PDB file of N, CA and C in Angstrom:
ATOM      1  N   MET A   1     169.459 114.960 113.880  1.00  0.00           N
ATOM      2  CA  MET A   1     170.198 114.686 112.659  1.00  0.00           C
ATOM      3  C   MET A   1     171.478 115.501 112.668  1.00  0.00           C
ATOM      4  N   ILE A   2     172.559 114.861 112.225  1.00  0.00           N
ATOM      5  CA  ILE A   2     173.824 115.560 112.123  1.00  0.00           C
ATOM      6  C   ILE A   2     174.278 115.564 110.663  1.00  0.00           C
ATOM      7  N   VAL A   3     175.107 116.530 110.338  1.00  0.00           N
ATOM      8  CA  VAL A   3     175.659 116.648 108.990  1.00  0.00           C
ATOM      9  C   VAL A   3     177.168 116.755 109.149  1.00  0.00           C
ATOM     10  N   ARG A   4     177.881 115.921 108.398  1.00  0.00           N
ATOM     11  CA  ARG A   4     179.340 115.941 108.456  1.00  0.00           C
ATOM     12  C   ARG A   4     179.925 115.931 107.050  1.00  0.00           C
ATOM     13  N   ARG A   5     181.096 116.552 106.955  1.00  0.00           N
ATOM     14  CA  ARG A   5     181.859 116.571 105.705  1.00  0.00           C
ATOM     15  C   ARG A   5     183.136 115.765 105.970  1.00  0.00           C
ATOM     16  N   TYR A   6     183.468 114.896 105.028  1.00  0.00           N
ATOM     17  CA  TYR A   6     184.674 114.081 105.134  1.00  0.00           C
ATOM     18  C   TYR A   6     185.537 114.291 103.907  1.00  0.00           C
ATOM     19  N   PHE A   7     186.840 114.231 104.121  1.00  0.00           N
ATOM     20  CA  PHE A   7     187.814 114.271 103.043  1.00  0.00           C
ATOM     21  C   PHE A   7     188.672 113.017 103.162  1.00  0.00           C
ATOM     22  N   PHE A   8     188.791 112.292 102.059  1.00  0.00           N
ATOM     23  CA  PHE A   8     189.581 111.070 102.022  1.00  0.00           C
ATOM     24  C   PHE A   8     190.792 111.290 101.134  1.00  0.00           C
ATOM     25  N   GLU A   9     191.959 110.894 101.633  1.00  0.00           N
ATOM     26  CA  GLU A   9     193.191 110.948 100.850  1.00  0.00           C
ATOM     27  C   GLU A   9     193.717 109.535 100.691  1.00  0.00           C
ATOM     28  N   GLY A  10     194.452 109.332  99.634  1.00  0.00           N
ATOM     29  CA  GLY A  10     195.032 108.033  99.343  1.00  0.00           C
ATOM     30  C   GLY A  10     194.773 107.690  97.893  1.00  0.00           C
ATOM     31  N   ARG A  11     194.598 106.412  97.619  1.00  0.00           N
ATOM     32  CA  ARG A  11     194.278 105.979  96.253  1.00  0.00           C
ATOM     33  C   ARG A  11     192.757 105.911  96.136  1.00  0.00           C
ATOM     34  N   VAL A  12     192.140 107.086  96.071  1.00  0.00           N
ATOM     35  CA  VAL A  12     190.678 107.177  96.141  1.00  0.00           C
ATOM     36  C   VAL A  12     190.038 107.690  94.851  1.00  0.00           C
ATOM     37  N   GLN A  13     190.842 107.966  93.839  1.00  0.00           N
ATOM     38  CA  GLN A  13     190.284 108.357  92.545  1.00  0.00           C
ATOM     39  C   GLN A  13     190.726 107.334  91.503  1.00  0.00           C
ATOM     40  N   GLY A  14     189.802 107.000  90.604  1.00  0.00           N
ATOM     41  CA  GLY A  14     190.110 106.070  89.535  1.00  0.00           C
ATOM     42  C   GLY A  14     190.041 104.603  89.938  1.00  0.00           C
ATOM     43  N   VAL A  15     189.440 104.322  91.094  1.00  0.00           N
ATOM     44  CA  VAL A  15     189.356 102.940  91.581  1.00  0.00           C
ATOM     45  C   VAL A  15     187.921 102.536  91.932  1.00  0.00           C
ATOM     46  N   GLY A  16     186.933 103.356  91.530  1.00  0.00           N
ATOM     47  CA  GLY A  16     185.537 103.060  91.849  1.00  0.00           C
ATOM     48  C   GLY A  16     185.139 103.429  93.264  1.00  0.00           C
ATOM     49  N   PHE A  17     185.920 104.287  93.894  1.00  0.00           N
ATOM     50  CA  PHE A  17     185.686 104.666  95.291  1.00  0.00           C
ATOM     51  C   PHE A  17     184.333 105.339  95.476  1.00  0.00           C
ATOM     52  N   ARG A  18     184.031 106.334  94.639  1.00  0.00           N
ATOM     53  CA  ARG A  18     182.757 107.063  94.791  1.00  0.00           C
ATOM     54  C   ARG A  18     181.563 106.135  94.579  1.00  0.00           C
ATOM     55  N   TYR A  19     181.627 105.306  93.544  1.00  0.00           N
ATOM     56  CA  TYR A  19     180.539 104.367  93.266  1.00  0.00           C
ATOM     57  C   TYR A  19     180.350 103.410  94.448  1.00  0.00           C
ATOM     58  N   SER A  20     181.441 102.915  94.993  1.00  0.00           N
ATOM     59  CA  SER A  20     181.354 101.985  96.121  1.00  0.00           C
ATOM     60  C   SER A  20     180.791 102.669  97.364  1.00  0.00           C
ATOM     61  N   ILE A  21     181.171 103.933  97.586  1.00  0.00           N
ATOM     62  CA  ILE A  21     180.621 104.706  98.710  1.00  0.00           C
ATOM     63  C   ILE A  21     179.108 104.842  98.542  1.00  0.00           C
ATOM     64  N   LYS A  22     178.684 105.178  97.320  1.00  0.00           N
ATOM     65  CA  LYS A  22     177.246 105.333  97.061  1.00  0.00           C
ATOM     66  C   LYS A  22     176.515 104.020  97.315  1.00  0.00           C
ATOM     67  N   GLN A  23     177.050 102.916  96.833  1.00  0.00           N
ATOM     68  CA  GLN A  23     176.418 101.608  97.035  1.00  0.00           C
ATOM     69  C   GLN A  23     176.327 101.277  98.523  1.00  0.00           C
ATOM     70  N   LEU A  24     177.378 101.552  99.271  1.00  0.00           N
ATOM     71  CA  LEU A  24     177.387 101.297 100.706  1.00  0.00           C
ATOM     72  C   LEU A  24     176.342 102.154 101.414  1.00  0.00           C
ATOM     73  N   ALA A  25     176.238 103.423 101.028  1.00  0.00           N
ATOM     74  CA  ALA A  25     175.297 104.353 101.666  1.00  0.00           C
ATOM     75  C   ALA A  25     173.847 103.913 101.477  1.00  0.00           C
ATOM     76  N   MET A  26     173.573 103.198 100.379  1.00  0.00           N
ATOM     77  CA  MET A  26     172.201 102.759 100.123  1.00  0.00           C
ATOM     78  C   MET A  26     171.695 101.791 101.196  1.00  0.00           C
ATOM     79  N   GLY A  27     172.602 101.183 101.940  1.00  0.00           N
ATOM     80  CA  GLY A  27     172.209 100.262 103.000  1.00  0.00           C
ATOM     81  C   GLY A  27     171.946 100.941 104.333  1.00  0.00           C
ATOM     82  N   PHE A  28     172.019 102.255 104.364  1.00  0.00           N
ATOM     83  CA  PHE A  28     171.846 103.001 105.609  1.00  0.00           C
ATOM     84  C   PHE A  28     170.854 104.138 105.411  1.00  0.00           C
ATOM     85  N   ASP A  29     170.292 104.598 106.503  1.00  0.00           N
ATOM     86  CA  ASP A  29     169.347 105.711 106.462  1.00  0.00           C
ATOM     87  C   ASP A  29     170.125 107.022 106.522  1.00  0.00           C
ATOM     88  N   VAL A  30     170.864 107.308 105.441  1.00  0.00           N
ATOM     89  CA  VAL A  30     171.660 108.527 105.342  1.00  0.00           C
ATOM     90  C   VAL A  30     171.402 109.166 103.980  1.00  0.00           C
ATOM     91  N   THR A  31     171.677 110.450 103.896  1.00  0.00           N
ATOM     92  CA  THR A  31     171.606 111.177 102.635  1.00  0.00           C
ATOM     93  C   THR A  31     172.927 111.896 102.446  1.00  0.00           C
ATOM     94  N   GLY A  32     173.173 112.335 101.212  1.00  0.00           N
ATOM     95  CA  GLY A  32     174.392 113.098 100.980  1.00  0.00           C
ATOM     96  C   GLY A  32     174.909 112.944  99.580  1.00  0.00           C
ATOM     97  N   TRP A  33     176.196 113.205  99.428  1.00  0.00           N
ATOM     98  CA  TRP A  33     176.840 113.111  98.131  1.00  0.00           C
ATOM     99  C   TRP A  33     178.329 112.860  98.312  1.00  0.00           C
ATOM    100  N   VAL A  34     178.964 112.439  97.220  1.00  0.00           N
ATOM    101  CA  VAL A  34     180.404 112.200  97.204  1.00  0.00           C
ATOM    102  C   VAL A  34     180.940 112.710  95.875  1.00  0.00           C
ATOM    103  N   ARG A  35     182.142 113.318  95.888  1.00  0.00           N
ATOM    104  CA  ARG A  35     182.706 113.854  94.654  1.00  0.00           C
ATOM    105  C   ARG A  35     184.237 113.858  94.713  1.00  0.00           C
ATOM    106  N   ASN A  36     184.850 113.801  93.528  1.00  0.00           N
ATOM    107  CA  ASN A  36     186.295 113.945  93.404  1.00  0.00           C
ATOM    108  C   ASN A  36     186.662 115.412  93.517  1.00  0.00           C
ATOM    109  N   LEU A  37     187.826 115.679  94.069  1.00  0.00           N
ATOM    110  CA  LEU A  37     188.372 117.027  94.130  1.00  0.00           C
ATOM    111  C   LEU A  37     189.594 117.109  93.212  1.00  0.00           C
ATOM    112  N   PRO A  38     189.879 118.295  92.687  1.00  0.00           N
ATOM    113  CA  PRO A  38     191.015 118.445  91.766  1.00  0.00           C
ATOM    114  C   PRO A  38     192.361 118.055  92.377  1.00  0.00           C
ATOM    115  N   ASP A  39     192.478 118.112  93.714  1.00  0.00           N
ATOM    116  CA  ASP A  39     193.761 117.804  94.364  1.00  0.00           C
ATOM    117  C   ASP A  39     193.968 116.312  94.623  1.00  0.00           C
ATOM    118  N   GLY A  40     193.057 115.467  94.117  1.00  0.00           N
ATOM    119  CA  GLY A  40     193.213 114.020  94.271  1.00  0.00           C
ATOM    120  C   GLY A  40     192.454 113.420  95.442  1.00  0.00           C
ATOM    121  N   ARG A  41     191.858 114.263  96.262  1.00  0.00           N
ATOM    122  CA  ARG A  41     191.063 113.760  97.383  1.00  0.00           C
ATOM    123  C   ARG A  41     189.629 113.511  96.932  1.00  0.00           C
ATOM    124  N   VAL A  42     188.874 112.844  97.798  1.00  0.00           N
ATOM    125  CA  VAL A  42     187.431 112.676  97.611  1.00  0.00           C
ATOM    126  C   VAL A  42     186.746 113.343  98.786  1.00  0.00           C
ATOM    127  N   GLU A  43     185.702 114.116  98.486  1.00  0.00           N
ATOM    128  CA  GLU A  43     184.917 114.800  99.511  1.00  0.00           C
ATOM    129  C   GLU A  43     183.552 114.139  99.598  1.00  0.00           C
ATOM    130  N   MET A  44     183.064 113.978 100.836  1.00  0.00           N
ATOM    131  CA  MET A  44     181.737 113.406 101.044  1.00  0.00           C
ATOM    132  C   MET A  44     180.992 114.241 102.080  1.00  0.00           C
ATOM    133  N   LEU A  45     179.726 114.533 101.787  1.00  0.00           N
ATOM    134  CA  LEU A  45     178.829 115.161 102.748  1.00  0.00           C
ATOM    135  C   LEU A  45     177.788 114.119 103.088  1.00  0.00           C
ATOM    136  N   ILE A  46     177.595 113.856 104.373  1.00  0.00           N
ATOM    137  CA  ILE A  46     176.656 112.822 104.805  1.00  0.00           C
ATOM    138  C   ILE A  46     175.808 113.362 105.943  1.00  0.00           C
ATOM    139  N   ALA A  47     174.520 113.043 105.907  1.00  0.00           N
ATOM    140  CA  ALA A  47     173.586 113.495 106.946  1.00  0.00           C
ATOM    141  C   ALA A  47     172.756 112.307 107.409  1.00  0.00           C
ATOM    142  N   GLY A  48     172.477 112.277 108.694  1.00  0.00           N
ATOM    143  CA  GLY A  48     171.662 111.214 109.258  1.00  0.00           C
ATOM    144  C   GLY A  48     171.794 111.210 110.766  1.00  0.00           C
ATOM    145  N   GLU A  49     171.214 110.219 111.379  1.00  0.00           N
ATOM    146  CA  GLU A  49     171.356 110.065 112.819  1.00  0.00           C
ATOM    147  C   GLU A  49     172.772 109.563 113.115  1.00  0.00           C
ATOM    148  N   LEU A  50     173.310 109.939 114.259  1.00  0.00           N
ATOM    149  CA  LEU A  50     174.681 109.598 114.620  1.00  0.00           C
ATOM    150  C   LEU A  50     174.937 108.097 114.506  1.00  0.00           C
ATOM    151  N   GLU A  51     174.037 107.279 115.001  1.00  0.00           N
ATOM    152  CA  GLU A  51     174.231 105.828 114.979  1.00  0.00           C
ATOM    153  C   GLU A  51     174.320 105.291 113.546  1.00  0.00           C
ATOM    154  N   GLU A  52     173.505 105.826 112.643  1.00  0.00           N
ATOM    155  CA  GLU A  52     173.546 105.392 111.242  1.00  0.00           C
ATOM    156  C   GLU A  52     174.888 105.756 110.610  1.00  0.00           C
ATOM    157  N   ILE A  53     175.369 106.962 110.883  1.00  0.00           N
ATOM    158  CA  ILE A  53     176.651 107.397 110.321  1.00  0.00           C
ATOM    159  C   ILE A  53     177.787 106.555 110.897  1.00  0.00           C
ATOM    160  N   GLU A  54     177.739 106.294 112.186  1.00  0.00           N
ATOM    161  CA  GLU A  54     178.774 105.457 112.801  1.00  0.00           C
ATOM    162  C   GLU A  54     178.755 104.046 112.216  1.00  0.00           C
ATOM    163  N   ASP A  55     177.568 103.477 112.014  1.00  0.00           N
ATOM    164  CA  ASP A  55     177.457 102.145 111.419  1.00  0.00           C
ATOM    165  C   ASP A  55     177.961 102.145 109.978  1.00  0.00           C
ATOM    166  N   PHE A  56     177.652 103.204 109.227  1.00  0.00           N
ATOM    167  CA  PHE A  56     178.150 103.358 107.861  1.00  0.00           C
ATOM    168  C   PHE A  56     179.674 103.315 107.848  1.00  0.00           C
ATOM    169  N   PHE A  57     180.307 104.075 108.737  1.00  0.00           N
ATOM    170  CA  PHE A  57     181.769 104.113 108.762  1.00  0.00           C
ATOM    171  C   PHE A  57     182.375 102.815 109.258  1.00  0.00           C
ATOM    172  N   GLU A  58     181.692 102.125 110.138  1.00  0.00           N
ATOM    173  CA  GLU A  58     182.175 100.817 110.572  1.00  0.00           C
ATOM    174  C   GLU A  58     182.218  99.858 109.374  1.00  0.00           C
ATOM    175  N   ASP A  59     181.155  99.845 108.589  1.00  0.00           N
ATOM    176  CA  ASP A  59     181.123  99.009 107.386  1.00  0.00           C
ATOM    177  C   ASP A  59     182.145  99.482 106.350  1.00  0.00           C
ATOM    178  N   LEU A  60     182.302 100.789 106.200  1.00  0.00           N
ATOM    179  CA  LEU A  60     183.280 101.330 105.257  1.00  0.00           C
ATOM    180  C   LEU A  60     184.683 100.836 105.605  1.00  0.00           C
ATOM    181  N   HIS A  61     185.039 100.925 106.874  1.00  0.00           N
ATOM    182  CA  HIS A  61     186.392 100.548 107.277  1.00  0.00           C
ATOM    183  C   HIS A  61     186.577  99.034 107.368  1.00  0.00           C
ATOM    184  N   ASP A  62     185.493  98.282 107.364  1.00  0.00           N
ATOM    185  CA  ASP A  62     185.572  96.815 107.300  1.00  0.00           C
ATOM    186  C   ASP A  62     185.577  96.315 105.859  1.00  0.00           C
ATOM    187  N   SER A  63     185.394  97.224 104.897  1.00  0.00           N
ATOM    188  CA  SER A  63     185.300  96.850 103.485  1.00  0.00           C
ATOM    189  C   SER A  63     186.662  97.020 102.794  1.00  0.00           C
ATOM    190  N   PRO A  64     186.788  96.518 101.556  1.00  0.00           N
ATOM    191  CA  PRO A  64     188.022  96.728 100.792  1.00  0.00           C
ATOM    192  C   PRO A  64     188.334  98.210 100.530  1.00  0.00           C
ATOM    193  N   LEU A  65     187.348  99.087 100.639  1.00  0.00           N
ATOM    194  CA  LEU A  65     187.586 100.522 100.440  1.00  0.00           C
ATOM    195  C   LEU A  65     188.618 101.067 101.433  1.00  0.00           C
ATOM    196  N   ASP A  66     188.657 100.497 102.614  1.00  0.00           N
ATOM    197  CA  ASP A  66     189.556 100.983 103.661  1.00  0.00           C
ATOM    198  C   ASP A  66     191.012 100.962 103.205  1.00  0.00           C
ATOM    199  N   HIS A  67     191.369 100.007 102.358  1.00  0.00           N
ATOM    200  CA  HIS A  67     192.756  99.882 101.900  1.00  0.00           C
ATOM    201  C   HIS A  67     193.162 101.036 100.988  1.00  0.00           C
ATOM    202  N   HIS A  68     192.203 101.749 100.436  1.00  0.00           N
ATOM    203  CA  HIS A  68     192.493 102.882  99.555  1.00  0.00           C
ATOM    204  C   HIS A  68     192.668 104.183 100.333  1.00  0.00           C
ATOM    205  N   ILE A  69     192.222 104.217 101.582  1.00  0.00           N
ATOM    206  CA  ILE A  69     192.240 105.451 102.380  1.00  0.00           C
ATOM    207  C   ILE A  69     193.535 105.539 103.182  1.00  0.00           C
ATOM    208  N   ARG A  70     194.306 106.587 102.921  1.00  0.00           N
ATOM    209  CA  ARG A  70     195.519 106.839 103.693  1.00  0.00           C
ATOM    210  C   ARG A  70     195.210 107.772 104.865  1.00  0.00           C
ATOM    211  N   GLU A  71     194.348 108.758 104.598  1.00  0.00           N
ATOM    212  CA  GLU A  71     193.961 109.731 105.621  1.00  0.00           C
ATOM    213  C   GLU A  71     192.505 110.096 105.461  1.00  0.00           C
ATOM    214  N   GLN A  72     191.850 110.362 106.582  1.00  0.00           N
ATOM    215  CA  GLN A  72     190.434 110.756 106.581  1.00  0.00           C
ATOM    216  C   GLN A  72     190.282 111.927 107.540  1.00  0.00           C
ATOM    217  N   GLU A  73     189.696 113.008 107.044  1.00  0.00           N
ATOM    218  CA  GLU A  73     189.454 114.193 107.864  1.00  0.00           C
ATOM    219  C   GLU A  73     187.951 114.399 107.990  1.00  0.00           C
ATOM    220  N   GLN A  74     187.511 114.742 109.185  1.00  0.00           N
ATOM    221  CA  GLN A  74     186.080 114.962 109.445  1.00  0.00           C
ATOM    222  C   GLN A  74     185.852 116.383 109.909  1.00  0.00           C
ATOM    223  N   GLN A  75     184.766 117.003 109.412  1.00  0.00           N
ATOM    224  CA  GLN A  75     184.373 118.345 109.833  1.00  0.00           C
ATOM    225  C   GLN A  75     182.865 118.363 110.059  1.00  0.00           C
ATOM    226  N   GLU A  76     182.439 119.097 111.058  1.00  0.00           N
ATOM    227  CA  GLU A  76     181.003 119.318 111.224  1.00  0.00           C
ATOM    228  C   GLU A  76     180.558 120.212 110.079  1.00  0.00           C
ATOM    229  N   ALA A  77     179.339 120.052 109.623  1.00  0.00           N
ATOM    230  CA  ALA A  77     178.848 120.830 108.488  1.00  0.00           C
ATOM    231  C   ALA A  77     177.410 121.251 108.737  1.00  0.00           C
ATOM    232  N   GLU A  78     176.934 122.127 107.882  1.00  0.00           N
ATOM    233  CA  GLU A  78     175.545 122.593 107.920  1.00  0.00           C
ATOM    234  C   GLU A  78     174.765 121.886 106.816  1.00  0.00           C
ATOM    235  N   MET A  79     173.482 121.709 107.036  1.00  0.00           N
ATOM    236  CA  MET A  79     172.623 121.168 105.988  1.00  0.00           C
ATOM    237  C   MET A  79     172.582 122.185 104.849  1.00  0.00           C
ATOM    238  N   PRO A  80     172.823 121.759 103.609  1.00  0.00           N
ATOM    239  CA  PRO A  80     172.734 122.697 102.484  1.00  0.00           C
ATOM    240  C   PRO A  80     171.335 123.301 102.388  1.00  0.00           C
ATOM    241  N   GLU A  81     171.263 124.537 101.908  1.00  0.00           N
ATOM    242  CA  GLU A  81     169.971 125.217 101.782  1.00  0.00           C
ATOM    243  C   GLU A  81     168.997 124.431 100.920  1.00  0.00           C
ATOM    244  N   GLU A  82     169.505 123.780  99.879  1.00  0.00           N
ATOM    245  CA  GLU A  82     168.633 123.006  98.996  1.00  0.00           C
ATOM    246  C   GLU A  82     168.261 121.648  99.588  1.00  0.00           C
ATOM    247  N   GLY A  83     168.851 121.328 100.764  1.00  0.00           N
ATOM    248  CA  GLY A  83     168.559 120.053 101.396  1.00  0.00           C
ATOM    249  C   GLY A  83     169.281 118.909 100.707  1.00  0.00           C
ATOM    250  N   LEU A  84     169.022 117.707 101.148  1.00  0.00           N
ATOM    251  CA  LEU A  84     169.637 116.518 100.572  1.00  0.00           C
ATOM    252  C   LEU A  84     168.554 115.498 100.300  1.00  0.00           C
ATOM    253  N   SER A  85     168.690 114.793  99.205  1.00  0.00           N
ATOM    254  CA  SER A  85     167.731 113.750  98.845  1.00  0.00           C
ATOM    255  C   SER A  85     168.521 112.564  98.303  1.00  0.00           C
ATOM    256  N   GLY A  86     168.432 111.430  98.963  1.00  0.00           N
ATOM    257  CA  GLY A  86     169.173 110.267  98.527  1.00  0.00           C
ATOM    258  C   GLY A  86     170.667 110.438  98.744  1.00  0.00           C
ATOM    259  N   PHE A  87     171.436 109.621  98.069  1.00  0.00           N
ATOM    260  CA  PHE A  87     172.894 109.720  98.146  1.00  0.00           C
ATOM    261  C   PHE A  87     173.410 109.682  96.714  1.00  0.00           C
ATOM    262  N   THR A  88     174.115 110.735  96.293  1.00  0.00           N
ATOM    263  CA  THR A  88     174.494 110.875  94.889  1.00  0.00           C
ATOM    264  C   THR A  88     175.997 111.035  94.701  1.00  0.00           C
ATOM    265  N   ILE A  89     176.419 110.811  93.473  1.00  0.00           N
ATOM    266  CA  ILE A  89     177.783 111.093  93.056  1.00  0.00           C
ATOM    267  C   ILE A  89     177.721 112.407  92.292  1.00  0.00           C
ATOM    268  N   ARG A  90     178.589 113.322  92.649  1.00  0.00           N
ATOM    269  CA  ARG A  90     178.639 114.626  91.967  1.00  0.00           C
ATOM    270  C   ARG A  90     179.830 114.685  91.042  1.00  0.00           C
TER     271      ARG A  90
END
């Protein structure tokens, strides 16, 4: 299992981006969360098998959500101490 943190820039707040990310994640065997940041970006923490995460991003970039993303940054991350359950909006 891998854990990654993503930051999305663009028109990603106020357009249903987080809700759409959550709905998309429900179709994959991944856990994590997504939240707005004060600087206008959206942050997402996602955990799962590499293939599931890659498939999730393939669907994300094939969806209308892709048009809202100007930049995407990826970082390796650690599993939170409290663990992850489901996929939530924070």
